[in-house]
Amino acid sequence: MSSLLFNLVIDWILKNTVDRILRGIRWTPFTMLEDLDFAVALLSHKHEHIPKKSNKLHSTVEKVGLRINEKKTKIMTNSPNQQPVTINNQTLENVKHFTYLGSEVSLLGGTEEDILKDFEG
């Protein structure tokens, strides 16, 4: 029951964070991808949307008694705009790759790191 309740709360948080304002990445000609489930990952088409979404996420999680761990929260952007993003007066780390559901996601967009990891492990 607790995992179901947690998933419902996270889903509510993400739906309330994106506000039905399309700032994600184009997924199909008719849809935008705004977040990823199974980890709180917000997607933005423009760098200036990241602070807005991050601040909205921060205020939304506080409504349900949760908090964001700023040390574990990362930003990945291919934008030339590398302005720092902060949550709760803490600057978030800018990374060039991360692992999502066991797969490596990188700025280069390739699968080389993911394949090499499988051979090394």
PDB file of N, CA and C in Angstrom:
ATOM      1  N   MET A   1       0.818  -1.197   0.000  1.00  0.00           N
ATOM      2  CA  MET A   1       0.000   0.000   0.000  1.00  0.00           C
ATOM      3  C   MET A   1       0.858   1.256   0.000  1.00  0.00           C
ATOM      4  N   SER A   2       1.949   1.264   0.776  1.00  0.00           N
ATOM      5  CA  SER A   2       2.753   2.481   0.867  1.00  0.00           C
ATOM      6  C   SER A   2       3.416   2.839  -0.459  1.00  0.00           C
ATOM      7  N   SER A   3       3.850   1.844  -1.242  1.00  0.00           N
ATOM      8  CA  SER A   3       4.460   2.160  -2.537  1.00  0.00           C
ATOM      9  C   SER A   3       3.417   2.719  -3.501  1.00  0.00           C
ATOM     10  N   LEU A   4       2.190   2.203  -3.446  1.00  0.00           N
ATOM     11  CA  LEU A   4       1.115   2.736  -4.291  1.00  0.00           C
ATOM     12  C   LEU A   4       0.816   4.185  -3.905  1.00  0.00           C
ATOM     13  N   LEU A   5       0.735   4.451  -2.628  1.00  0.00           N
ATOM     14  CA  LEU A   5       0.471   5.811  -2.161  1.00  0.00           C
ATOM     15  C   LEU A   5       1.604   6.751  -2.569  1.00  0.00           C
ATOM     16  N   PHE A   6       2.857   6.303  -2.415  1.00  0.00           N
ATOM     17  CA  PHE A   6       4.005   7.118  -2.818  1.00  0.00           C
ATOM     18  C   PHE A   6       3.940   7.446  -4.310  1.00  0.00           C
ATOM     19  N   ASN A   7       3.640   6.445  -5.148  1.00  0.00           N
ATOM     20  CA  ASN A   7       3.552   6.677  -6.595  1.00  0.00           C
ATOM     21  C   ASN A   7       2.428   7.648  -6.940  1.00  0.00           C
ATOM     22  N   LEU A   8       1.315   7.559  -6.232  1.00  0.00           N
ATOM     23  CA  LEU A   8       0.218   8.501  -6.470  1.00  0.00           C
ATOM     24  C   LEU A   8       0.632   9.924  -6.103  1.00  0.00           C
ATOM     25  N   VAL A   9       1.343  10.079  -4.992  1.00  0.00           N
ATOM     26  CA  VAL A   9       1.792  11.406  -4.562  1.00  0.00           C
ATOM     27  C   VAL A   9       2.792  11.974  -5.565  1.00  0.00           C
ATOM     28  N   ILE A  10       3.758  11.159  -6.007  1.00  0.00           N
ATOM     29  CA  ILE A  10       4.749  11.629  -6.988  1.00  0.00           C
ATOM     30  C   ILE A  10       4.061  12.019  -8.294  1.00  0.00           C
ATOM     31  N   ASP A  11       3.094  11.227  -8.734  1.00  0.00           N
ATOM     32  CA  ASP A  11       2.359  11.557  -9.956  1.00  0.00           C
ATOM     33  C   ASP A  11       1.617  12.884  -9.796  1.00  0.00           C
ATOM     34  N   TRP A  12       0.987  13.099  -8.639  1.00  0.00           N
ATOM     35  CA  TRP A  12       0.296  14.365  -8.374  1.00  0.00           C
ATOM     36  C   TRP A  12       1.276  15.536  -8.378  1.00  0.00           C
ATOM     37  N   ILE A  13       2.451  15.336  -7.754  1.00  0.00           N
ATOM     38  CA  ILE A  13       3.469  16.386  -7.702  1.00  0.00           C
ATOM     39  C   ILE A  13       3.904  16.772  -9.117  1.00  0.00           C
ATOM     40  N   LEU A  14       4.202  15.780  -9.951  1.00  0.00           N
ATOM     41  CA  LEU A  14       4.664  16.070 -11.313  1.00  0.00           C
ATOM     42  C   LEU A  14       3.584  16.751 -12.140  1.00  0.00           C
ATOM     43  N   LYS A  15       2.345  16.297 -12.012  1.00  0.00           N
ATOM     44  CA  LYS A  15       1.252  16.935 -12.764  1.00  0.00           C
ATOM     45  C   LYS A  15       1.080  18.389 -12.332  1.00  0.00           C
ATOM     46  N   ASN A  16       1.235  18.671 -11.054  1.00  0.00           N
ATOM     47  CA  ASN A  16       1.080  20.036 -10.565  1.00  0.00           C
ATOM     48  C   ASN A  16       2.317  20.888 -10.822  1.00  0.00           C
ATOM     49  N   THR A  17       3.449  20.271 -11.039  1.00  0.00           N
ATOM     50  CA  THR A  17       4.672  21.021 -11.318  1.00  0.00           C
ATOM     51  C   THR A  17       4.679  21.571 -12.730  1.00  0.00           C
ATOM     52  N   VAL A  18       4.226  20.794 -13.695  1.00  0.00           N
ATOM     53  CA  VAL A  18       4.294  21.241 -15.087  1.00  0.00           C
ATOM     54  C   VAL A  18       3.145  22.157 -15.474  1.00  0.00           C
ATOM     55  N   ASP A  19       2.106  22.262 -14.645  1.00  0.00           N
ATOM     56  CA  ASP A  19       1.026  23.243 -14.837  1.00  0.00           C
ATOM     57  C   ASP A  19       0.355  23.201 -16.206  1.00  0.00           C
ATOM     58  N   ARG A  20       0.473  22.121 -16.913  1.00  0.00           N
ATOM     59  CA  ARG A  20      -0.132  22.019 -18.247  1.00  0.00           C
ATOM     60  C   ARG A  20       0.378  23.086 -19.216  1.00  0.00           C
ATOM     61  N   ILE A  21       1.494  23.699 -18.888  1.00  0.00           N
ATOM     62  CA  ILE A  21       2.150  24.650 -19.792  1.00  0.00           C
ATOM     63  C   ILE A  21       3.235  23.869 -20.514  1.00  0.00           C
ATOM     64  N   LEU A  22       3.172  23.803 -21.816  1.00  0.00           N
ATOM     65  CA  LEU A  22       4.097  22.964 -22.569  1.00  0.00           C
ATOM     66  C   LEU A  22       5.479  23.604 -22.647  1.00  0.00           C
ATOM     67  N   ARG A  23       6.386  23.092 -21.812  1.00  0.00           N
ATOM     68  CA  ARG A  23       7.771  23.563 -21.815  1.00  0.00           C
ATOM     69  C   ARG A  23       8.737  22.397 -21.939  1.00  0.00           C
ATOM     70  N   GLY A  24       8.237  21.229 -22.253  1.00  0.00           N
ATOM     71  CA  GLY A  24       9.068  20.031 -22.319  1.00  0.00           C
ATOM     72  C   GLY A  24       9.786  19.910 -23.647  1.00  0.00           C
ATOM     73  N   ILE A  25      10.060  18.663 -24.024  1.00  0.00           N
ATOM     74  CA  ILE A  25      10.697  18.404 -25.314  1.00  0.00           C
ATOM     75  C   ILE A  25       9.674  17.757 -26.241  1.00  0.00           C
ATOM     76  N   ARG A  26       9.770  18.066 -27.519  1.00  0.00           N
ATOM     77  CA  ARG A  26       8.835  17.513 -28.503  1.00  0.00           C
ATOM     78  C   ARG A  26       9.058  16.012 -28.583  1.00  0.00           C
ATOM     79  N   TRP A  27       7.998  15.224 -28.314  1.00  0.00           N
ATOM     80  CA  TRP A  27       8.095  13.764 -28.325  1.00  0.00           C
ATOM     81  C   TRP A  27       7.545  13.214 -29.633  1.00  0.00           C
ATOM     82  N   THR A  28       6.401  13.703 -30.016  1.00  0.00           N
ATOM     83  CA  THR A  28       5.801  13.380 -31.307  1.00  0.00           C
ATOM     84  C   THR A  28       5.312  14.707 -31.886  1.00  0.00           C
ATOM     85  N   PRO A  29       4.839  14.710 -33.117  1.00  0.00           N
ATOM     86  CA  PRO A  29       4.350  15.976 -33.658  1.00  0.00           C
ATOM     87  C   PRO A  29       3.221  16.616 -32.826  1.00  0.00           C
ATOM     88  N   PHE A  30       2.542  15.810 -32.005  1.00  0.00           N
ATOM     89  CA  PHE A  30       1.397  16.331 -31.270  1.00  0.00           C
ATOM     90  C   PHE A  30       1.558  16.306 -29.753  1.00  0.00           C
ATOM     91  N   THR A  31       2.684  15.835 -29.242  1.00  0.00           N
ATOM     92  CA  THR A  31       2.841  15.742 -27.786  1.00  0.00           C
ATOM     93  C   THR A  31       4.205  16.250 -27.330  1.00  0.00           C
ATOM     94  N   MET A  32       4.223  16.710 -26.075  1.00  0.00           N
ATOM     95  CA  MET A  32       5.456  17.154 -25.434  1.00  0.00           C
ATOM     96  C   MET A  32       5.715  16.226 -24.247  1.00  0.00           C
ATOM     97  N   LEU A  33       6.965  15.880 -24.027  1.00  0.00           N
ATOM     98  CA  LEU A  33       7.353  15.079 -22.874  1.00  0.00           C
ATOM     99  C   LEU A  33       7.852  16.037 -21.805  1.00  0.00           C
ATOM    100  N   GLU A  34       7.166  16.070 -20.665  1.00  0.00           N
ATOM    101  CA  GLU A  34       7.461  17.028 -19.601  1.00  0.00           C
ATOM    102  C   GLU A  34       8.221  16.408 -18.437  1.00  0.00           C
ATOM    103  N   ASP A  35       8.013  15.117 -18.168  1.00  0.00           N
ATOM    104  CA  ASP A  35       8.659  14.489 -17.021  1.00  0.00           C
ATOM    105  C   ASP A  35       8.841  13.001 -17.294  1.00  0.00           C
ATOM    106  N   LEU A  36       9.681  12.378 -16.488  1.00  0.00           N
ATOM    107  CA  LEU A  36       9.896  10.936 -16.546  1.00  0.00           C
ATOM    108  C   LEU A  36       9.443  10.338 -15.223  1.00  0.00           C
ATOM    109  N   ASP A  37       8.667   9.286 -15.292  1.00  0.00           N
ATOM    110  CA  ASP A  37       8.250   8.617 -14.068  1.00  0.00           C
ATOM    111  C   ASP A  37       9.388   7.721 -13.574  1.00  0.00           C
ATOM    112  N   PHE A  38       9.247   7.192 -12.370  1.00  0.00           N
ATOM    113  CA  PHE A  38      10.208   6.317 -11.709  1.00  0.00           C
ATOM    114  C   PHE A  38      11.418   7.067 -11.185  1.00  0.00           C
ATOM    115  N   ALA A  39      11.517   8.307 -11.465  1.00  0.00           N
ATOM    116  CA  ALA A  39      12.504   9.226 -10.894  1.00  0.00           C
ATOM    117  C   ALA A  39      11.932  10.598 -11.201  1.00  0.00           C
ATOM    118  N   VAL A  40      12.113  11.510 -10.329  1.00  0.00           N
ATOM    119  CA  VAL A  40      11.576  12.835 -10.623  1.00  0.00           C
ATOM    120  C   VAL A  40      12.553  13.506 -11.576  1.00  0.00           C
ATOM    121  N   ALA A  41      12.219  13.475 -12.852  1.00  0.00           N
ATOM    122  CA  ALA A  41      13.058  14.079 -13.887  1.00  0.00           C
ATOM    123  C   ALA A  41      12.174  14.993 -14.721  1.00  0.00           C
ATOM    124  N   LEU A  42      12.501  16.266 -14.714  1.00  0.00           N
ATOM    125  CA  LEU A  42      11.753  17.242 -15.498  1.00  0.00           C
ATOM    126  C   LEU A  42      12.522  17.566 -16.766  1.00  0.00           C
ATOM    127  N   LEU A  43      11.812  17.673 -17.868  1.00  0.00           N
ATOM    128  CA  LEU A  43      12.432  17.948 -19.159  1.00  0.00           C
ATOM    129  C   LEU A  43      11.993  19.312 -19.645  1.00  0.00           C
ATOM    130  N   SER A  44      12.924  20.058 -20.222  1.00  0.00           N
ATOM    131  CA  SER A  44      12.613  21.388 -20.723  1.00  0.00           C
ATOM    132  C   SER A  44      13.257  21.612 -22.074  1.00  0.00           C
ATOM    133  N   HIS A  45      12.546  22.326 -22.924  1.00  0.00           N
ATOM    134  CA  HIS A  45      13.062  22.668 -24.250  1.00  0.00           C
ATOM    135  C   HIS A  45      14.063  23.819 -24.160  1.00  0.00           C
ATOM    136  N   LYS A  46      13.845  24.729 -23.222  1.00  0.00           N
ATOM    137  CA  LYS A  46      14.715  25.887 -23.068  1.00  0.00           C
ATOM    138  C   LYS A  46      15.282  25.935 -21.655  1.00  0.00           C
ATOM    139  N   HIS A  47      16.520  26.404 -21.546  1.00  0.00           N
ATOM    140  CA  HIS A  47      17.176  26.483 -20.235  1.00  0.00           C
ATOM    141  C   HIS A  47      16.396  27.367 -19.266  1.00  0.00           C
ATOM    142  N   GLU A  48      15.794  28.436 -19.759  1.00  0.00           N
ATOM    143  CA  GLU A  48      15.079  29.346 -18.848  1.00  0.00           C
ATOM    144  C   GLU A  48      13.859  28.690 -18.202  1.00  0.00           C
ATOM    145  N   HIS A  49      13.368  27.568 -18.752  1.00  0.00           N
ATOM    146  CA  HIS A  49      12.249  26.862 -18.141  1.00  0.00           C
ATOM    147  C   HIS A  49      12.690  26.033 -16.934  1.00  0.00           C
ATOM    148  N   ILE A  50      13.965  25.660 -16.876  1.00  0.00           N
ATOM    149  CA  ILE A  50      14.447  24.791 -15.804  1.00  0.00           C
ATOM    150  C   ILE A  50      14.280  25.435 -14.427  1.00  0.00           C
ATOM    151  N   PRO A  51      14.713  26.679 -14.206  1.00  0.00           N
ATOM    152  CA  PRO A  51      14.498  27.269 -12.874  1.00  0.00           C
ATOM    153  C   PRO A  51      13.021  27.390 -12.507  1.00  0.00           C
ATOM    154  N   LYS A  52      12.184  27.717 -13.483  1.00  0.00           N
ATOM    155  CA  LYS A  52      10.753  27.826 -13.205  1.00  0.00           C
ATOM    156  C   LYS A  52      10.179  26.495 -12.757  1.00  0.00           C
ATOM    157  N   LYS A  53      10.513  25.424 -13.489  1.00  0.00           N
ATOM    158  CA  LYS A  53      10.014  24.102 -13.122  1.00  0.00           C
ATOM    159  C   LYS A  53      10.607  23.639 -11.792  1.00  0.00           C
ATOM    160  N   SER A  54      11.885  23.918 -11.570  1.00  0.00           N
ATOM    161  CA  SER A  54      12.536  23.496 -10.321  1.00  0.00           C
ATOM    162  C   SER A  54      11.907  24.181  -9.114  1.00  0.00           C
ATOM    163  N   ASN A  55      11.650  25.477  -9.226  1.00  0.00           N
ATOM    164  CA  ASN A  55      11.013  26.203  -8.123  1.00  0.00           C
ATOM    165  C   ASN A  55       9.586  25.731  -7.892  1.00  0.00           C
ATOM    166  N   LYS A  56       8.864  25.449  -8.972  1.00  0.00           N
ATOM    167  CA  LYS A  56       7.500  24.932  -8.840  1.00  0.00           C
ATOM    168  C   LYS A  56       7.519  23.549  -8.196  1.00  0.00           C
ATOM    169  N   LEU A  57       8.475  22.707  -8.590  1.00  0.00           N
ATOM    170  CA  LEU A  57       8.612  21.387  -7.976  1.00  0.00           C
ATOM    171  C   LEU A  57       8.882  21.525  -6.486  1.00  0.00           C
ATOM    172  N   HIS A  58       9.795  22.419  -6.127  1.00  0.00           N
ATOM    173  CA  HIS A  58      10.133  22.641  -4.713  1.00  0.00           C
ATOM    174  C   HIS A  58       8.906  23.041  -3.905  1.00  0.00           C
ATOM    175  N   SER A  59       8.123  23.985  -4.404  1.00  0.00           N
ATOM    176  CA  SER A  59       6.944  24.432  -3.658  1.00  0.00           C
ATOM    177  C   SER A  59       5.859  23.353  -3.623  1.00  0.00           C
ATOM    178  N   THR A  60       5.755  22.541  -4.676  1.00  0.00           N
ATOM    179  CA  THR A  60       4.735  21.496  -4.721  1.00  0.00           C
ATOM    180  C   THR A  60       5.060  20.351  -3.764  1.00  0.00           C
ATOM    181  N   VAL A  61       6.325  19.919  -3.696  1.00  0.00           N
ATOM    182  CA  VAL A  61       6.659  18.817  -2.785  1.00  0.00           C
ATOM    183  C   VAL A  61       6.492  19.238  -1.329  1.00  0.00           C
ATOM    184  N   GLU A  62       6.734  20.505  -1.048  1.00  0.00           N
ATOM    185  CA  GLU A  62       6.555  20.981   0.325  1.00  0.00           C
ATOM    186  C   GLU A  62       5.092  20.902   0.759  1.00  0.00           C
ATOM    187  N   LYS A  63       4.166  21.029  -0.172  1.00  0.00           N
ATOM    188  CA  LYS A  63       2.741  20.957   0.151  1.00  0.00           C
ATOM    189  C   LYS A  63       2.346  19.596   0.710  1.00  0.00           C
ATOM    190  N   VAL A  64       3.085  18.540   0.318  1.00  0.00           N
ATOM    191  CA  VAL A  64       2.759  17.196   0.797  1.00  0.00           C
ATOM    192  C   VAL A  64       3.759  16.709   1.845  1.00  0.00           C
ATOM    193  N   GLY A  65       4.584  17.629   2.359  1.00  0.00           N
ATOM    194  CA  GLY A  65       5.505  17.286   3.431  1.00  0.00           C
ATOM    195  C   GLY A  65       6.796  16.614   2.994  1.00  0.00           C
ATOM    196  N   LEU A  66       7.127  16.692   1.708  1.00  0.00           N
ATOM    197  CA  LEU A  66       8.385  16.120   1.216  1.00  0.00           C
ATOM    198  C   LEU A  66       9.387  17.238   0.996  1.00  0.00           C
ATOM    199  N   ARG A  67      10.638  16.861   0.741  1.00  0.00           N
ATOM    200  CA  ARG A  67      11.649  17.852   0.416  1.00  0.00           C
ATOM    201  C   ARG A  67      12.575  17.295  -0.651  1.00  0.00           C
ATOM    202  N   ILE A  68      13.185  18.197  -1.400  1.00  0.00           N
ATOM    203  CA  ILE A  68      14.133  17.827  -2.454  1.00  0.00           C
ATOM    204  C   ILE A  68      15.523  17.790  -1.845  1.00  0.00           C
ATOM    205  N   ASN A  69      16.260  16.710  -2.112  1.00  0.00           N
ATOM    206  CA  ASN A  69      17.643  16.619  -1.677  1.00  0.00           C
ATOM    207  C   ASN A  69      18.491  17.318  -2.740  1.00  0.00           C
ATOM    208  N   GLU A  70      18.928  18.531  -2.432  1.00  0.00           N
ATOM    209  CA  GLU A  70      19.660  19.331  -3.414  1.00  0.00           C
ATOM    210  C   GLU A  70      20.992  18.684  -3.799  1.00  0.00           C
ATOM    211  N   LYS A  71      21.589  17.891  -2.911  1.00  0.00           N
ATOM    212  CA  LYS A  71      22.866  17.237  -3.221  1.00  0.00           C
ATOM    213  C   LYS A  71      22.695  16.120  -4.245  1.00  0.00           C
ATOM    214  N   LYS A  72      21.515  15.523  -4.305  1.00  0.00           N
ATOM    215  CA  LYS A  72      21.259  14.447  -5.260  1.00  0.00           C
ATOM    216  C   LYS A  72      20.580  14.942  -6.529  1.00  0.00           C
ATOM    217  N   THR A  73      20.167  16.184  -6.551  1.00  0.00           N
ATOM    218  CA  THR A  73      19.454  16.738  -7.699  1.00  0.00           C
ATOM    219  C   THR A  73      20.457  17.319  -8.689  1.00  0.00           C
ATOM    220  N   LYS A  74      20.345  16.908  -9.945  1.00  0.00           N
ATOM    221  CA  LYS A  74      21.300  17.315 -10.983  1.00  0.00           C
ATOM    222  C   LYS A  74      20.574  17.989 -12.147  1.00  0.00           C
ATOM    223  N   ILE A  75      21.333  18.776 -12.888  1.00  0.00           N
ATOM    224  CA  ILE A  75      20.842  19.439 -14.095  1.00  0.00           C
ATOM    225  C   ILE A  75      21.707  18.972 -15.265  1.00  0.00           C
ATOM    226  N   MET A  76      21.068  18.622 -16.382  1.00  0.00           N
ATOM    227  CA  MET A  76      21.808  18.317 -17.598  1.00  0.00           C
ATOM    228  C   MET A  76      21.191  19.136 -18.716  1.00  0.00           C
ATOM    229  N   THR A  77      22.010  19.936 -19.365  1.00  0.00           N
ATOM    230  CA  THR A  77      21.509  20.776 -20.452  1.00  0.00           C
ATOM    231  C   THR A  77      22.539  20.866 -21.567  1.00  0.00           C
ATOM    232  N   ASN A  78      22.040  20.923 -22.793  1.00  0.00           N
ATOM    233  CA  ASN A  78      22.935  21.141 -23.933  1.00  0.00           C
ATOM    234  C   ASN A  78      22.855  22.585 -24.401  1.00  0.00           C
ATOM    235  N   SER A  79      22.263  23.430 -23.580  1.00  0.00           N
ATOM    236  CA  SER A  79      22.122  24.841 -23.903  1.00  0.00           C
ATOM    237  C   SER A  79      23.441  25.578 -23.678  1.00  0.00           C
ATOM    238  N   PRO A  80      23.761  26.538 -24.530  1.00  0.00           N
ATOM    239  CA  PRO A  80      24.949  27.353 -24.261  1.00  0.00           C
ATOM    240  C   PRO A  80      24.764  28.204 -22.999  1.00  0.00           C
ATOM    241  N   ASN A  81      23.522  28.411 -22.587  1.00  0.00           N
ATOM    242  CA  ASN A  81      23.225  29.140 -21.361  1.00  0.00           C
ATOM    243  C   ASN A  81      23.473  28.202 -20.179  1.00  0.00           C
ATOM    244  N   GLN A  82      24.532  28.434 -19.454  1.00  0.00           N
ATOM    245  CA  GLN A  82      24.887  27.579 -18.332  1.00  0.00           C
ATOM    246  C   GLN A  82      24.676  28.295 -16.998  1.00  0.00           C
ATOM    247  N   GLN A  83      23.648  29.154 -16.938  1.00  0.00           N
ATOM    248  CA  GLN A  83      23.345  29.853 -15.699  1.00  0.00           C
ATOM    249  C   GLN A  83      23.021  28.828 -14.613  1.00  0.00           C
ATOM    250  N   PRO A  84      23.505  29.045 -13.399  1.00  0.00           N
ATOM    251  CA  PRO A  84      23.215  28.091 -12.327  1.00  0.00           C
ATOM    252  C   PRO A  84      21.726  28.063 -11.982  1.00  0.00           C
ATOM    253  N   VAL A  85      21.276  26.893 -11.591  1.00  0.00           N
ATOM    254  CA  VAL A  85      19.898  26.697 -11.146  1.00  0.00           C
ATOM    255  C   VAL A  85      19.954  26.395  -9.660  1.00  0.00           C
ATOM    256  N   THR A  86      19.107  27.050  -8.891  1.00  0.00           N
ATOM    257  CA  THR A  86      19.115  26.843  -7.445  1.00  0.00           C
ATOM    258  C   THR A  86      17.745  26.393  -6.960  1.00  0.00           C
ATOM    259  N   ILE A  87      17.776  25.595  -5.903  1.00  0.00           N
ATOM    260  CA  ILE A  87      16.579  25.216  -5.164  1.00  0.00           C
ATOM    261  C   ILE A  87      16.907  25.440  -3.702  1.00  0.00           C
ATOM    262  N   ASN A  88      16.052  26.190  -3.016  1.00  0.00           N
ATOM    263  CA  ASN A  88      16.243  26.438  -1.590  1.00  0.00           C
ATOM    264  C   ASN A  88      17.622  27.044  -1.319  1.00  0.00           C
ATOM    265  N   ASN A  89      18.035  27.959  -2.177  1.00  0.00           N
ATOM    266  CA  ASN A  89      19.325  28.658  -2.087  1.00  0.00           C
ATOM    267  C   ASN A  89      20.541  27.744  -2.249  1.00  0.00           C
ATOM    268  N   GLN A  90      20.349  26.543  -2.797  1.00  0.00           N
ATOM    269  CA  GLN A  90      21.446  25.617  -3.074  1.00  0.00           C
ATOM    270  C   GLN A  90      21.598  25.475  -4.586  1.00  0.00           C
ATOM    271  N   THR A  91      22.812  25.685  -5.106  1.00  0.00           N
ATOM    272  CA  THR A  91      23.060  25.543  -6.545  1.00  0.00           C
ATOM    273  C   THR A  91      23.101  24.069  -6.912  1.00  0.00           C
ATOM    274  N   LEU A  92      22.367  23.699  -7.946  1.00  0.00           N
ATOM    275  CA  LEU A  92      22.331  22.316  -8.402  1.00  0.00           C
ATOM    276  C   LEU A  92      23.509  22.030  -9.322  1.00  0.00           C
ATOM    277  N   GLU A  93      24.048  20.824  -9.202  1.00  0.00           N
ATOM    278  CA  GLU A  93      25.206  20.417 -10.008  1.00  0.00           C
ATOM    279  C   GLU A  93      24.787  20.201 -11.466  1.00  0.00           C
ATOM    280  N   ASN A  94      25.590  20.716 -12.392  1.00  0.00           N
ATOM    281  CA  ASN A  94      25.384  20.533 -13.823  1.00  0.00           C
ATOM    282  C   ASN A  94      26.206  19.322 -14.254  1.00  0.00           C
ATOM    283  N   VAL A  95      25.567  18.297 -14.851  1.00  0.00           N
ATOM    284  CA  VAL A  95      26.264  17.069 -15.236  1.00  0.00           C
ATOM    285  C   VAL A  95      26.188  16.860 -16.743  1.00  0.00           C
ATOM    286  N   LYS A  96      27.089  16.021 -17.255  1.00  0.00           N
ATOM    287  CA  LYS A  96      27.109  15.697 -18.679  1.00  0.00           C
ATOM    288  C   LYS A  96      26.486  14.335 -18.965  1.00  0.00           C
ATOM    289  N   HIS A  97      26.233  13.540 -17.912  1.00  0.00           N
ATOM    290  CA  HIS A  97      25.554  12.245 -18.073  1.00  0.00           C
ATOM    291  C   HIS A  97      24.966  11.815 -16.730  1.00  0.00           C
ATOM    292  N   PHE A  98      23.977  10.928 -16.779  1.00  0.00           N
ATOM    293  CA  PHE A  98      23.399  10.341 -15.575  1.00  0.00           C
ATOM    294  C   PHE A  98      22.797   8.996 -15.929  1.00  0.00           C
ATOM    295  N   THR A  99      22.474   8.218 -14.917  1.00  0.00           N
ATOM    296  CA  THR A  99      21.865   6.907 -15.119  1.00  0.00           C
ATOM    297  C   THR A  99      20.390   7.005 -14.799  1.00  0.00           C
ATOM    298  N   TYR A 100      19.550   6.528 -15.716  1.00  0.00           N
ATOM    299  CA  TYR A 100      18.102   6.512 -15.524  1.00  0.00           C
ATOM    300  C   TYR A 100      17.603   5.104 -15.801  1.00  0.00           C
ATOM    301  N   LEU A 101      17.043   4.461 -14.784  1.00  0.00           N
ATOM    302  CA  LEU A 101      16.547   3.088 -14.887  1.00  0.00           C
ATOM    303  C   LEU A 101      17.615   2.152 -15.465  1.00  0.00           C
ATOM    304  N   GLY A 102      18.846   2.323 -15.027  1.00  0.00           N
ATOM    305  CA  GLY A 102      19.942   1.460 -15.446  1.00  0.00           C
ATOM    306  C   GLY A 102      20.581   1.815 -16.768  1.00  0.00           C
ATOM    307  N   SER A 103      20.086   2.813 -17.466  1.00  0.00           N
ATOM    308  CA  SER A 103      20.652   3.217 -18.752  1.00  0.00           C
ATOM    309  C   SER A 103      21.362   4.554 -18.607  1.00  0.00           C
ATOM    310  N   GLU A 104      22.477   4.686 -19.319  1.00  0.00           N
ATOM    311  CA  GLU A 104      23.235   5.928 -19.302  1.00  0.00           C
ATOM    312  C   GLU A 104      22.619   6.929 -20.277  1.00  0.00           C
ATOM    313  N   VAL A 105      22.370   8.123 -19.783  1.00  0.00           N
ATOM    314  CA  VAL A 105      21.867   9.223 -20.606  1.00  0.00           C
ATOM    315  C   VAL A 105      22.977  10.262 -20.638  1.00  0.00           C
ATOM    316  N   SER A 106      23.369  10.690 -21.840  1.00  0.00           N
ATOM    317  CA  SER A 106      24.458  11.658 -21.924  1.00  0.00           C
ATOM    318  C   SER A 106      24.124  12.763 -22.907  1.00  0.00           C
ATOM    319  N   LEU A 107      24.887  13.837 -22.806  1.00  0.00           N
ATOM    320  CA  LEU A 107      24.712  14.957 -23.728  1.00  0.00           C
ATOM    321  C   LEU A 107      24.994  14.550 -25.161  1.00  0.00           C
ATOM    322  N   LEU A 108      25.871  13.586 -25.354  1.00  0.00           N
ATOM    323  CA  LEU A 108      26.226  13.148 -26.697  1.00  0.00           C
ATOM    324  C   LEU A 108      25.096  12.381 -27.357  1.00  0.00           C
ATOM    325  N   GLY A 109      24.183  11.843 -26.544  1.00  0.00           N
ATOM    326  CA  GLY A 109      23.007  11.180 -27.081  1.00  0.00           C
ATOM    327  C   GLY A 109      23.251   9.794 -27.637  1.00  0.00           C
ATOM    328  N   GLY A 110      24.464   9.291 -27.558  1.00  0.00           N
ATOM    329  CA  GLY A 110      24.760   7.969 -28.087  1.00  0.00           C
ATOM    330  C   GLY A 110      24.535   6.870 -27.067  1.00  0.00           C
ATOM    331  N   THR A 111      24.844   5.660 -27.486  1.00  0.00           N
ATOM    332  CA  THR A 111      24.661   4.506 -26.606  1.00  0.00           C
ATOM    333  C   THR A 111      25.993   3.874 -26.211  1.00  0.00           C
ATOM    334  N   GLU A 112      27.108   4.484 -26.611  1.00  0.00           N
ATOM    335  CA  GLU A 112      28.415   3.886 -26.377  1.00  0.00           C
ATOM    336  C   GLU A 112      28.685   3.637 -24.894  1.00  0.00           C
ATOM    337  N   GLU A 113      28.417   4.628 -24.040  1.00  0.00           N
ATOM    338  CA  GLU A 113      28.658   4.472 -22.606  1.00  0.00           C
ATOM    339  C   GLU A 113      27.823   3.339 -22.033  1.00  0.00           C
ATOM    340  N   ASP A 114      26.583   3.238 -22.479  1.00  0.00           N
ATOM    341  CA  ASP A 114      25.676   2.210 -21.985  1.00  0.00           C
ATOM    342  C   ASP A 114      26.166   0.815 -22.377  1.00  0.00           C
ATOM    343  N   ILE A 115      26.596   0.669 -23.622  1.00  0.00           N
ATOM    344  CA  ILE A 115      27.081  -0.627 -24.105  1.00  0.00           C
ATOM    345  C   ILE A 115      28.383  -1.004 -23.399  1.00  0.00           C
ATOM    346  N   LEU A 116      29.300  -0.052 -23.265  1.00  0.00           N
ATOM    347  CA  LEU A 116      30.566  -0.326 -22.589  1.00  0.00           C
ATOM    348  C   LEU A 116      30.340  -0.721 -21.125  1.00  0.00           C
ATOM    349  N   LYS A 117      29.388  -0.103 -20.466  1.00  0.00           N
ATOM    350  CA  LYS A 117      29.074  -0.433 -19.073  1.00  0.00           C
ATOM    351  C   LYS A 117      28.620  -1.880 -18.963  1.00  0.00           C
ATOM    352  N   ASP A 118      27.819  -2.344 -19.921  1.00  0.00           N
ATOM    353  CA  ASP A 118      27.348  -3.737 -19.892  1.00  0.00           C
ATOM    354  C   ASP A 118      28.495  -4.713 -20.070  1.00  0.00           C
ATOM    355  N   PHE A 119      29.482  -4.383 -20.902  1.00  0.00           N
ATOM    356  CA  PHE A 119      30.606  -5.270 -21.110  1.00  0.00           C
ATOM    357  C   PHE A 119      31.560  -5.267 -19.919  1.00  0.00           C
ATOM    358  N   GLU A 120      31.712  -4.131 -19.255  1.00  0.00           N
ATOM    359  CA  GLU A 120      32.619  -4.041 -18.120  1.00  0.00           C
ATOM    360  C   GLU A 120      32.049  -4.719 -16.880  1.00  0.00           C
ATOM    361  N   GLY A 121      30.721  -4.657 -16.728  1.00  0.00           N
ATOM    362  CA  GLY A 121      30.065  -5.174 -15.519  1.00  0.00           C
ATOM    363  C   GLY A 121      29.973  -6.633 -15.519  1.00  0.00           C
TER     364      GLY A 121
END
